[in-house]
N, C-alpha and C. Protein backbone atom coordinates (compact mmCIF):
# COMPACT_ATOMS: atom_id res chain seq x y z
N MET A 1 0.85 -1.18 0.00
CA MET A 1 0.00 0.00 0.00
C MET A 1 0.89 1.24 0.00
N THR A 2 0.51 2.21 -0.77
CA THR A 2 1.29 3.44 -0.85
C THR A 2 0.66 4.52 0.01
N THR A 3 1.30 5.67 0.04
CA THR A 3 0.77 6.78 0.84
C THR A 3 -0.55 7.29 0.29
N THR A 4 -0.82 7.00 -0.99
CA THR A 4 -2.06 7.46 -1.59
C THR A 4 -3.19 6.46 -1.41
N GLY A 5 -2.89 5.30 -0.85
CA GLY A 5 -3.93 4.35 -0.54
C GLY A 5 -4.27 3.37 -1.63
N VAL A 6 -3.50 3.31 -2.69
CA VAL A 6 -3.76 2.36 -3.77
C VAL A 6 -2.55 1.46 -3.91
N CYS A 7 -2.79 0.15 -3.92
CA CYS A 7 -1.67 -0.77 -4.08
C CYS A 7 -1.31 -0.87 -5.55
N CYS A 8 -1.42 -2.04 -6.13
CA CYS A 8 -1.03 -2.22 -7.52
C CYS A 8 -2.09 -1.72 -8.49
N GLY A 9 -3.31 -1.53 -8.03
CA GLY A 9 -4.37 -1.04 -8.89
C GLY A 9 -5.24 -2.13 -9.47
N ARG A 10 -4.85 -3.39 -9.31
CA ARG A 10 -5.61 -4.48 -9.90
C ARG A 10 -6.89 -4.79 -9.12
N CYS A 11 -6.97 -4.29 -7.91
CA CYS A 11 -8.12 -4.64 -7.07
C CYS A 11 -8.95 -3.43 -6.67
N VAL A 12 -8.68 -2.27 -7.27
CA VAL A 12 -9.40 -1.07 -6.88
C VAL A 12 -10.38 -0.65 -7.96
N SER A 13 -11.40 0.07 -7.56
CA SER A 13 -12.36 0.60 -8.51
C SER A 13 -11.81 1.87 -9.14
N ALA A 14 -12.42 2.27 -10.23
CA ALA A 14 -12.03 3.53 -10.87
C ALA A 14 -12.25 4.69 -9.92
N ALA A 15 -13.32 4.64 -9.14
CA ALA A 15 -13.60 5.71 -8.18
C ALA A 15 -12.51 5.79 -7.11
N ALA A 16 -12.06 4.64 -6.62
CA ALA A 16 -10.99 4.63 -5.62
C ALA A 16 -9.68 5.13 -6.21
N ALA A 17 -9.41 4.76 -7.45
CA ALA A 17 -8.19 5.23 -8.11
C ALA A 17 -8.26 6.74 -8.33
N THR A 18 -9.42 7.24 -8.71
CA THR A 18 -9.60 8.68 -8.89
C THR A 18 -9.35 9.42 -7.58
N ALA A 19 -9.89 8.88 -6.50
CA ALA A 19 -9.70 9.50 -5.18
C ALA A 19 -8.22 9.52 -4.80
N ALA A 20 -7.50 8.45 -5.11
CA ALA A 20 -6.07 8.40 -4.81
C ALA A 20 -5.30 9.45 -5.60
N ILE A 21 -5.66 9.63 -6.87
CA ILE A 21 -5.01 10.66 -7.69
C ILE A 21 -5.31 12.04 -7.11
N ARG A 22 -6.54 12.27 -6.72
CA ARG A 22 -6.90 13.57 -6.14
C ARG A 22 -6.12 13.85 -4.86
N ARG A 23 -5.95 12.81 -4.02
CA ARG A 23 -5.16 12.99 -2.80
C ARG A 23 -3.70 13.31 -3.15
N GLN A 24 -3.19 12.68 -4.19
CA GLN A 24 -1.79 12.89 -4.58
C GLN A 24 -1.55 14.31 -5.08
N VAL A 25 -2.49 14.88 -5.80
CA VAL A 25 -2.26 16.19 -6.42
C VAL A 25 -2.78 17.37 -5.59
N ALA A 26 -3.57 17.11 -4.58
CA ALA A 26 -4.19 18.18 -3.79
C ALA A 26 -3.14 19.10 -3.18
N GLY A 27 -3.21 20.36 -3.56
CA GLY A 27 -2.35 21.37 -2.97
C GLY A 27 -0.89 21.31 -3.35
N ARG A 28 -0.53 20.40 -4.24
CA ARG A 28 0.88 20.23 -4.60
C ARG A 28 1.32 21.34 -5.55
N THR A 29 2.45 21.94 -5.26
CA THR A 29 3.02 22.95 -6.15
C THR A 29 4.40 22.54 -6.67
N VAL A 30 5.06 21.64 -5.94
CA VAL A 30 6.37 21.15 -6.36
C VAL A 30 6.26 19.65 -6.60
N TRP A 31 6.79 19.21 -7.73
CA TRP A 31 6.74 17.80 -8.08
C TRP A 31 8.15 17.22 -8.12
N THR A 32 8.44 16.38 -7.16
CA THR A 32 9.73 15.68 -7.15
C THR A 32 9.65 14.53 -8.15
N PRO A 33 10.78 13.99 -8.55
CA PRO A 33 10.75 12.82 -9.43
C PRO A 33 9.97 11.66 -8.82
N GLU A 34 10.07 11.50 -7.51
CA GLU A 34 9.34 10.42 -6.84
C GLU A 34 7.83 10.65 -6.90
N ALA A 35 7.41 11.90 -6.69
CA ALA A 35 5.99 12.22 -6.74
C ALA A 35 5.44 12.03 -8.15
N LEU A 36 6.22 12.40 -9.15
CA LEU A 36 5.79 12.20 -10.54
C LEU A 36 5.69 10.71 -10.87
N ALA A 37 6.63 9.93 -10.37
CA ALA A 37 6.57 8.48 -10.60
C ALA A 37 5.34 7.88 -9.94
N GLU A 38 5.01 8.34 -8.74
CA GLU A 38 3.81 7.85 -8.05
C GLU A 38 2.55 8.26 -8.81
N LEU A 39 2.52 9.49 -9.31
CA LEU A 39 1.37 9.94 -10.09
C LEU A 39 1.22 9.09 -11.34
N ASP A 40 2.31 8.79 -12.00
CA ASP A 40 2.27 7.94 -13.19
C ASP A 40 1.72 6.55 -12.85
N ARG A 41 2.15 6.01 -11.72
CA ARG A 41 1.68 4.69 -11.29
C ARG A 41 0.18 4.74 -10.97
N LEU A 42 -0.25 5.80 -10.32
CA LEU A 42 -1.68 5.95 -10.01
C LEU A 42 -2.52 6.09 -11.27
N ARG A 43 -2.01 6.82 -12.24
CA ARG A 43 -2.73 6.96 -13.51
C ARG A 43 -2.85 5.61 -14.21
N ALA A 44 -1.80 4.82 -14.17
CA ALA A 44 -1.85 3.48 -14.77
C ALA A 44 -2.89 2.62 -14.05
N ALA A 45 -2.93 2.71 -12.72
CA ALA A 45 -3.93 1.96 -11.95
C ALA A 45 -5.33 2.41 -12.31
N TRP A 46 -5.52 3.71 -12.51
CA TRP A 46 -6.82 4.25 -12.90
C TRP A 46 -7.23 3.72 -14.27
N ARG A 47 -6.29 3.76 -15.23
CA ARG A 47 -6.61 3.26 -16.57
C ARG A 47 -6.99 1.79 -16.54
N GLU A 48 -6.27 0.99 -15.76
CA GLU A 48 -6.60 -0.43 -15.63
C GLU A 48 -7.99 -0.61 -15.03
N ALA A 49 -8.31 0.15 -14.01
CA ALA A 49 -9.61 0.03 -13.34
C ALA A 49 -10.74 0.42 -14.29
N VAL A 50 -10.56 1.50 -15.04
CA VAL A 50 -11.59 1.92 -15.99
C VAL A 50 -11.78 0.86 -17.06
N ALA A 51 -10.70 0.34 -17.60
CA ALA A 51 -10.80 -0.69 -18.63
C ALA A 51 -11.51 -1.93 -18.09
N ARG A 52 -11.17 -2.32 -16.87
CA ARG A 52 -11.80 -3.50 -16.25
C ARG A 52 -13.29 -3.27 -16.06
N GLU A 53 -13.67 -2.07 -15.60
CA GLU A 53 -15.09 -1.78 -15.38
C GLU A 53 -15.86 -1.68 -16.69
N LEU A 54 -15.24 -1.13 -17.72
CA LEU A 54 -15.91 -1.06 -19.02
C LEU A 54 -16.10 -2.44 -19.61
N THR A 55 -15.11 -3.30 -19.46
CA THR A 55 -15.22 -4.67 -19.96
C THR A 55 -16.32 -5.42 -19.22
N ALA A 56 -16.40 -5.23 -17.92
CA ALA A 56 -17.43 -5.91 -17.13
C ALA A 56 -18.82 -5.41 -17.49
N ALA A 57 -18.92 -4.14 -17.86
CA ALA A 57 -20.23 -3.57 -18.19
C ALA A 57 -20.69 -3.96 -19.59
N ALA A 58 -19.77 -4.37 -20.43
CA ALA A 58 -20.12 -4.70 -21.82
C ALA A 58 -20.80 -6.03 -21.96
């Protein structure tokens, strides 16, 4: 589990992934390489969750 509350992203909903991204970016003005890497990982988890939910809905 990361500081944003999302692990690998394979078990979270799109809504949970969105919330994690919002927590990551809230109030941030400086982006370290580590923070950018975490944001990239969260975005990947979000994309996976959306794709999984769209596939399930089809």
